[in-house]
Amino acid sequence: MFKALLPKEEKYFEYFNSLIIAISEMATLAKDFFGNAKYDEETSLKLKSLEKRCDEISHKVFNKLNKSFLTPFDREDIYALVKTLEKVSDAINAAVTRARIYNLTEPLVVAEKLLQIAGMQINELHTTIVDRKVKSNGNLTIVKDLEQEADLIYRDAITRLFKEETNAIELIKRKEVLDVLEDITDKCQAVASVIFTISLKNG
């Protein structure tokens, strides 16, 4: 009877998996959004819906934490993992929202590349959470390498922006969107750091 009351650890990993899949879908949608000549509202609405799904999954995890006697690893680490993943979804949505609000006159050429990198990072993060385990392996190193690649692309884009953009308002708008896009890859690296900490504590 007591065994029936114990939490099923796999449920947490179902939530982690669902959260990462939703974030991956967001990265793909955002990449398509910035790849279009005109930024469309329909994609923006789909992204908002996915972000809401991420929030709902996060709340389910936190509610389960409040009711569980046992957890697959430390409660604070589960909380940190979910919160850092949630920040990735927030950053993706923020980049698209700003691009629409600012009504940029020309598409950001490097936006697709930065989101492609973020998508690759998310895929690597996904492979570290499998079979009811959080694994520290080469995938986390790849996430870091990709983040550094994104930094180089971002710095080059900012340099060219300040050289070529003569409209001060347009410069400010484009720079802010680029800042948020680069921040997505930073947030993915933050998730990798949390996973690394968890794996060390539970290895």
Protein backbone atom coordinates (compact mmCIF):
# COMPACT_ATOMS: atom_id res chain seq x y z
CA MET A 1 0.00 0.00 0.00
CA PHE A 2 2.78 2.44 0.89
CA LYS A 3 4.48 1.65 -2.40
CA ALA A 4 1.39 2.87 -4.24
CA LEU A 5 1.73 6.23 -2.52
CA LEU A 6 5.30 6.77 -3.66
CA PRO A 7 5.78 9.20 -6.55
CA LYS A 8 6.47 7.78 -9.97
CA GLU A 9 9.79 9.33 -10.91
CA GLU A 10 9.16 8.83 -14.60
CA LYS A 11 6.40 11.45 -14.44
CA TYR A 12 9.00 14.13 -13.78
CA PHE A 13 10.94 13.04 -16.83
CA GLU A 14 7.77 13.06 -18.90
CA TYR A 15 7.36 16.69 -17.91
CA PHE A 16 11.02 17.50 -18.68
CA ASN A 17 10.67 15.80 -22.05
CA SER A 18 7.44 17.64 -22.89
CA LEU A 19 8.98 20.95 -21.87
CA ILE A 20 12.05 20.51 -24.05
CA ILE A 21 9.98 19.35 -27.03
CA ALA A 22 7.78 22.45 -26.77
CA ILE A 23 10.87 24.67 -26.57
CA SER A 24 12.34 22.93 -29.61
CA GLU A 25 9.13 23.63 -31.53
CA MET A 26 9.37 27.27 -30.49
CA ALA A 27 12.93 27.55 -31.79
CA THR A 28 11.88 26.07 -35.14
CA LEU A 29 8.89 28.40 -35.44
CA ALA A 30 10.99 31.43 -34.49
CA LYS A 31 13.60 30.47 -37.10
CA ASP A 32 10.86 30.30 -39.75
CA PHE A 33 9.44 33.59 -38.50
CA PHE A 34 12.72 35.45 -38.97
CA GLY A 35 13.32 33.68 -42.28
CA ASN A 36 10.24 35.27 -43.88
CA ALA A 37 10.44 38.55 -45.72
CA LYS A 38 7.51 39.77 -43.63
CA TYR A 39 7.12 38.84 -39.98
CA ASP A 40 3.69 37.23 -39.67
CA GLU A 41 1.31 37.38 -36.74
CA GLU A 42 0.15 33.76 -37.08
CA THR A 43 3.57 32.39 -36.18
CA SER A 44 3.76 34.80 -33.27
CA LEU A 45 0.44 33.49 -31.94
CA LYS A 46 1.62 29.88 -32.24
CA LEU A 47 4.73 30.77 -30.28
CA LYS A 48 2.67 32.42 -27.57
CA SER A 49 0.56 29.26 -27.31
CA LEU A 50 3.69 27.11 -26.96
CA GLU A 51 5.09 29.44 -24.33
CA LYS A 52 1.83 29.06 -22.41
CA ARG A 53 2.19 25.28 -22.67
CA CYS A 54 5.69 25.57 -21.18
CA ASP A 55 4.30 27.60 -18.29
CA GLU A 56 1.59 25.00 -17.70
CA ILE A 57 4.12 22.15 -17.65
CA SER A 58 6.29 24.09 -15.22
CA HIS A 59 3.35 24.61 -12.88
CA LYS A 60 2.58 20.88 -13.01
CA VAL A 61 6.15 20.10 -11.96
CA PHE A 62 6.04 22.58 -9.10
CA ASN A 63 2.68 21.23 -7.93
CA LYS A 64 4.05 17.70 -8.02
CA LEU A 65 7.08 18.80 -6.00
CA ASN A 66 4.77 20.07 -3.28
CA LYS A 67 3.01 16.70 -3.07
CA SER A 68 5.89 14.25 -3.60
CA PHE A 69 7.65 12.41 -0.77
CA LEU A 70 10.44 11.26 -3.05
CA THR A 71 11.93 12.88 -6.14
CA PRO A 72 14.42 11.61 -8.76
CA PHE A 73 16.95 14.17 -7.51
CA ASP A 74 17.06 17.17 -5.17
CA ARG A 75 14.00 19.38 -5.21
CA GLU A 76 16.03 22.55 -5.66
CA ASP A 77 17.71 21.02 -8.71
CA ILE A 78 14.38 20.06 -10.27
CA TYR A 79 13.19 23.61 -9.66
CA ALA A 80 16.38 25.08 -11.18
CA LEU A 81 16.16 22.84 -14.24
CA VAL A 82 12.55 23.75 -14.96
CA LYS A 83 13.08 27.47 -14.33
CA THR A 84 16.11 27.66 -16.64
CA LEU A 85 14.22 25.78 -19.37
CA GLU A 86 11.30 28.16 -18.89
CA LYS A 87 13.66 31.11 -19.41
CA VAL A 88 14.67 29.69 -22.80
CA SER A 89 11.03 29.65 -23.93
CA ASP A 90 10.54 33.18 -22.58
CA ALA A 91 13.57 34.45 -24.51
CA ILE A 92 12.45 32.86 -27.79
CA ASN A 93 9.02 34.42 -27.47
CA ALA A 94 10.53 37.78 -26.48
CA ALA A 95 12.69 37.90 -29.63
CA VAL A 96 9.70 37.34 -31.92
CA THR A 97 7.48 39.73 -29.95
CA ARG A 98 10.04 42.54 -30.18
CA ALA A 99 10.54 42.02 -33.91
CA ARG A 100 6.79 42.37 -34.48
CA ILE A 101 6.34 45.34 -32.15
CA TYR A 102 9.29 47.20 -33.65
CA ASN A 103 8.13 46.47 -37.21
CA LEU A 104 11.68 46.14 -38.47
CA THR A 105 12.11 47.55 -41.98
CA GLU A 106 14.39 44.69 -43.08
CA PRO A 107 14.75 41.11 -41.81
CA LEU A 108 17.68 40.36 -39.51
CA VAL A 109 19.97 38.19 -41.60
CA VAL A 110 21.73 36.50 -38.67
CA ALA A 111 18.52 35.79 -36.75
CA GLU A 112 17.99 32.49 -38.57
CA LYS A 113 21.54 31.40 -37.84
CA LEU A 114 21.31 32.24 -34.14
CA LEU A 115 18.02 30.36 -33.83
CA GLN A 116 19.47 27.43 -35.75
CA ILE A 117 22.26 27.28 -33.18
CA ALA A 118 19.74 27.52 -30.34
CA GLY A 119 17.80 24.65 -31.89
CA MET A 120 20.95 22.55 -32.01
CA GLN A 121 21.64 23.35 -28.35
CA ILE A 122 18.12 22.34 -27.37
CA ASN A 123 18.50 19.02 -29.19
CA GLU A 124 21.74 18.34 -27.32
CA LEU A 125 20.07 19.19 -24.01
CA HIS A 126 17.22 16.84 -24.86
CA THR A 127 19.59 13.89 -25.23
CA THR A 128 20.98 14.45 -21.73
CA ILE A 129 17.60 13.73 -20.11
CA VAL A 130 16.73 10.13 -20.97
CA ASP A 131 15.76 6.87 -19.28
CA ARG A 132 14.85 8.55 -15.98
CA LYS A 133 18.37 9.97 -15.70
CA VAL A 134 20.15 13.27 -16.18
CA LYS A 135 23.46 12.55 -17.85
CA SER A 136 26.57 14.69 -18.07
CA ASN A 137 28.34 13.84 -21.31
CA GLY A 138 29.79 15.34 -24.46
CA ASN A 139 26.46 16.89 -25.32
CA LEU A 140 26.97 19.57 -22.67
CA THR A 141 30.34 20.47 -24.17
CA ILE A 142 28.65 20.83 -27.55
CA VAL A 143 26.10 23.20 -26.01
CA LYS A 144 28.95 25.37 -24.72
CA ASP A 145 30.76 25.30 -28.07
CA LEU A 146 27.57 26.34 -29.84
CA GLU A 147 27.06 29.18 -27.37
CA GLN A 148 30.56 30.46 -28.16
CA GLU A 149 29.82 30.21 -31.89
CA ALA A 150 26.67 32.28 -31.34
CA ASP A 151 28.70 34.88 -29.45
CA LEU A 152 31.01 35.32 -32.45
CA ILE A 153 28.08 35.64 -34.86
CA TYR A 154 26.39 38.15 -32.54
CA ARG A 155 29.51 40.31 -32.13
CA ASP A 156 30.09 40.36 -35.88
CA ALA A 157 26.45 41.33 -36.48
CA ILE A 158 26.61 44.14 -33.92
CA THR A 159 29.85 45.46 -35.45
CA ARG A 160 28.31 45.52 -38.93
CA LEU A 161 25.10 47.07 -37.57
CA PHE A 162 26.95 50.05 -36.07
CA LYS A 163 28.95 50.49 -39.28
CA GLU A 164 26.08 50.26 -41.73
CA GLU A 165 22.90 51.45 -39.99
CA THR A 166 22.53 55.23 -40.21
CA ASN A 167 19.05 55.48 -38.68
CA ALA A 168 19.55 55.71 -34.91
CA ILE A 169 16.06 54.45 -34.01
CA GLU A 170 16.35 51.50 -36.39
CA LEU A 171 19.78 50.72 -34.93
CA ILE A 172 18.41 50.62 -31.40
CA LYS A 173 15.52 48.36 -32.40
CA ARG A 174 17.67 45.92 -34.35
CA LYS A 175 20.32 45.78 -31.65
CA GLU A 176 17.75 44.96 -28.99
CA VAL A 177 16.34 42.08 -31.03
CA LEU A 178 19.86 40.78 -31.65
CA ASP A 179 20.56 41.01 -27.91
CA VAL A 180 17.55 38.84 -27.12
CA LEU A 181 18.42 36.33 -29.85
CA GLU A 182 21.92 35.93 -28.47
CA ASP A 183 20.49 35.62 -24.98
CA ILE A 184 18.57 32.51 -26.07
CA THR A 185 21.86 30.67 -26.57
CA ASP A 186 23.10 31.94 -23.21
CA LYS A 187 19.96 30.58 -21.56
CA CYS A 188 20.56 27.19 -23.20
CA GLN A 189 24.06 27.20 -21.74
CA ALA A 190 22.54 27.95 -18.33
CA VAL A 191 20.39 24.81 -18.68
CA ALA A 192 23.52 22.81 -19.51
CA SER A 193 25.18 24.11 -16.34
CA VAL A 194 22.22 23.00 -14.23
CA ILE A 195 22.28 19.55 -15.83
CA PHE A 196 26.02 19.27 -15.18
CA THR A 197 25.49 20.11 -11.50
CA ILE A 198 22.71 17.55 -11.21
CA SER A 199 24.80 14.83 -12.84
CA LEU A 200 27.73 15.50 -10.50
CA LYS A 201 25.50 15.23 -7.44
CA ASN A 202 23.77 12.09 -8.64
CA GLY A 203 26.52 10.29 -10.52
